[in-house]
Amino acid sequence: EEFETKTSEIKEKHAAQIAKLKVSANEDRARDRTVEKDLRSLLKKEKDETTELLKRIKALEKELNQEKVKATKAEELIKVGKGTIHKLSIELDEEKKRAKE
């Protein structure tokens, strides 16, 4: 009888421990699901932010290229203007020489 009582107590202890482990495992799984959900949410947010940054970078690159084209055109106009000024300066010098003669 004492053996049966001890055996029964041991079985009850084991059953209680198993029940605690099951509860703990369920809590762990629930926590894991929450963490996974949070991580997925953060990942999506990061992906969205990265996509927005890439769009902004592309827009800035396009704007930069447009400014480069404008700068190149301006440089060409400056060269033409300098050439015209130089040509007019020569013509003016020639006119002054003729006027003195």
Protein backbone atom coordinates (compact mmCIF):
# COMPACT_ATOMS: atom_id res chain seq x y z
CA GLU A 1 0.00 0.00 0.00
CA GLU A 2 2.83 2.38 0.87
CA PHE A 3 4.41 1.57 -2.50
CA GLU A 4 1.16 2.37 -4.27
CA THR A 5 0.84 5.64 -2.36
CA LYS A 6 4.39 6.67 -3.26
CA THR A 7 3.84 5.58 -6.84
CA SER A 8 0.62 7.56 -6.97
CA GLU A 9 2.35 10.64 -5.49
CA ILE A 10 5.15 10.35 -8.03
CA LYS A 11 2.62 10.00 -10.85
CA GLU A 12 0.75 13.07 -9.59
CA LYS A 13 4.01 15.04 -9.35
CA HIS A 14 4.96 13.99 -12.86
CA ALA A 15 1.49 14.82 -14.15
CA ALA A 16 1.69 18.28 -12.53
CA GLN A 17 5.16 18.83 -13.99
CA ILE A 18 3.98 17.72 -17.42
CA ALA A 19 0.98 20.06 -17.16
CA LYS A 20 3.29 22.95 -16.19
CA LEU A 21 5.60 22.15 -19.11
CA LYS A 22 2.65 22.06 -21.51
CA VAL A 23 1.43 25.44 -20.25
CA SER A 24 4.97 26.82 -20.50
CA ALA A 25 5.35 25.42 -24.04
CA ASN A 26 2.03 26.98 -25.07
CA GLU A 27 3.12 30.33 -23.60
CA ASP A 28 6.45 30.06 -25.43
CA ARG A 29 4.69 29.34 -28.72
CA ALA A 30 2.33 32.27 -28.19
CA ARG A 31 5.30 34.53 -27.39
CA ASP A 32 7.12 33.24 -30.48
CA ARG A 33 4.10 34.02 -32.66
CA THR A 34 3.91 37.54 -31.22
CA VAL A 35 7.62 38.11 -31.79
CA GLU A 36 7.35 36.72 -35.33
CA LYS A 37 4.39 38.99 -36.05
CA ASP A 38 6.28 42.01 -34.67
CA LEU A 39 9.35 41.13 -36.73
CA ARG A 40 7.28 40.76 -39.90
CA SER A 41 5.69 44.13 -39.20
CA LEU A 42 9.09 45.76 -38.69
CA LEU A 43 10.45 44.10 -41.81
CA LYS A 44 7.53 45.39 -43.88
CA LYS A 45 7.99 48.87 -42.44
CA GLU A 46 11.72 48.79 -43.25
CA LYS A 47 10.98 47.52 -46.77
CA ASP A 48 8.42 50.30 -47.33
CA GLU A 49 10.85 52.93 -46.03
CA THR A 50 13.62 51.53 -48.24
CA THR A 51 11.32 51.62 -51.27
CA GLU A 52 10.44 55.24 -50.52
CA LEU A 53 14.11 56.15 -50.12
CA LEU A 54 14.95 54.48 -53.43
CA LYS A 55 12.16 56.41 -55.14
CA ARG A 56 13.48 59.64 -53.63
CA ILE A 57 17.04 58.81 -54.71
CA LYS A 58 15.87 58.15 -58.28
CA ALA A 59 13.97 61.45 -58.29
CA LEU A 60 17.04 63.28 -56.99
CA GLU A 61 19.25 61.59 -59.60
CA LYS A 62 16.84 62.67 -62.34
CA GLU A 63 16.83 66.22 -60.97
CA LEU A 64 20.64 66.20 -60.80
CA ASN A 65 20.88 65.03 -64.41
CA GLN A 66 18.52 67.80 -65.49
CA GLU A 67 20.67 70.34 -63.64
CA LYS A 68 23.78 68.90 -65.34
CA VAL A 69 22.13 69.36 -68.73
CA LYS A 70 21.23 72.95 -67.83
CA ALA A 71 24.80 73.58 -66.65
CA THR A 72 26.22 72.15 -69.87
CA LYS A 73 23.92 74.36 -71.94
CA ALA A 74 24.88 77.36 -69.83
CA GLU A 75 28.59 76.59 -70.34
CA GLU A 76 28.02 76.36 -74.09
CA LEU A 77 26.20 79.69 -74.07
CA ILE A 78 29.03 81.26 -72.07
CA LYS A 79 31.58 79.97 -74.61
CA VAL A 80 29.50 81.35 -77.47
CA GLY A 81 29.10 84.63 -75.59
CA LYS A 82 32.84 84.88 -74.94
CA GLY A 83 33.54 84.15 -78.60
CA THR A 84 31.06 86.80 -79.67
CA ILE A 85 32.54 89.34 -77.24
CA HIS A 86 36.05 88.55 -78.48
CA LYS A 87 34.93 88.89 -82.11
CA LEU A 88 33.16 92.18 -81.39
CA SER A 89 36.21 93.43 -79.49
CA ILE A 90 38.41 92.73 -82.51
CA GLU A 91 35.90 94.43 -84.80
CA LEU A 92 35.77 97.42 -82.45
CA ASP A 93 39.58 97.66 -82.41
CA GLU A 94 39.58 97.55 -86.22
CA GLU A 95 36.90 100.27 -86.34
CA LYS A 96 38.97 102.42 -83.98
CA LYS A 97 42.05 101.97 -86.20
CA ARG A 98 40.04 102.94 -89.29
CA ALA A 99 38.56 105.89 -87.48
CA LYS A 100 42.06 107.17 -86.57
CA GLU A 101 43.25 106.83 -90.19
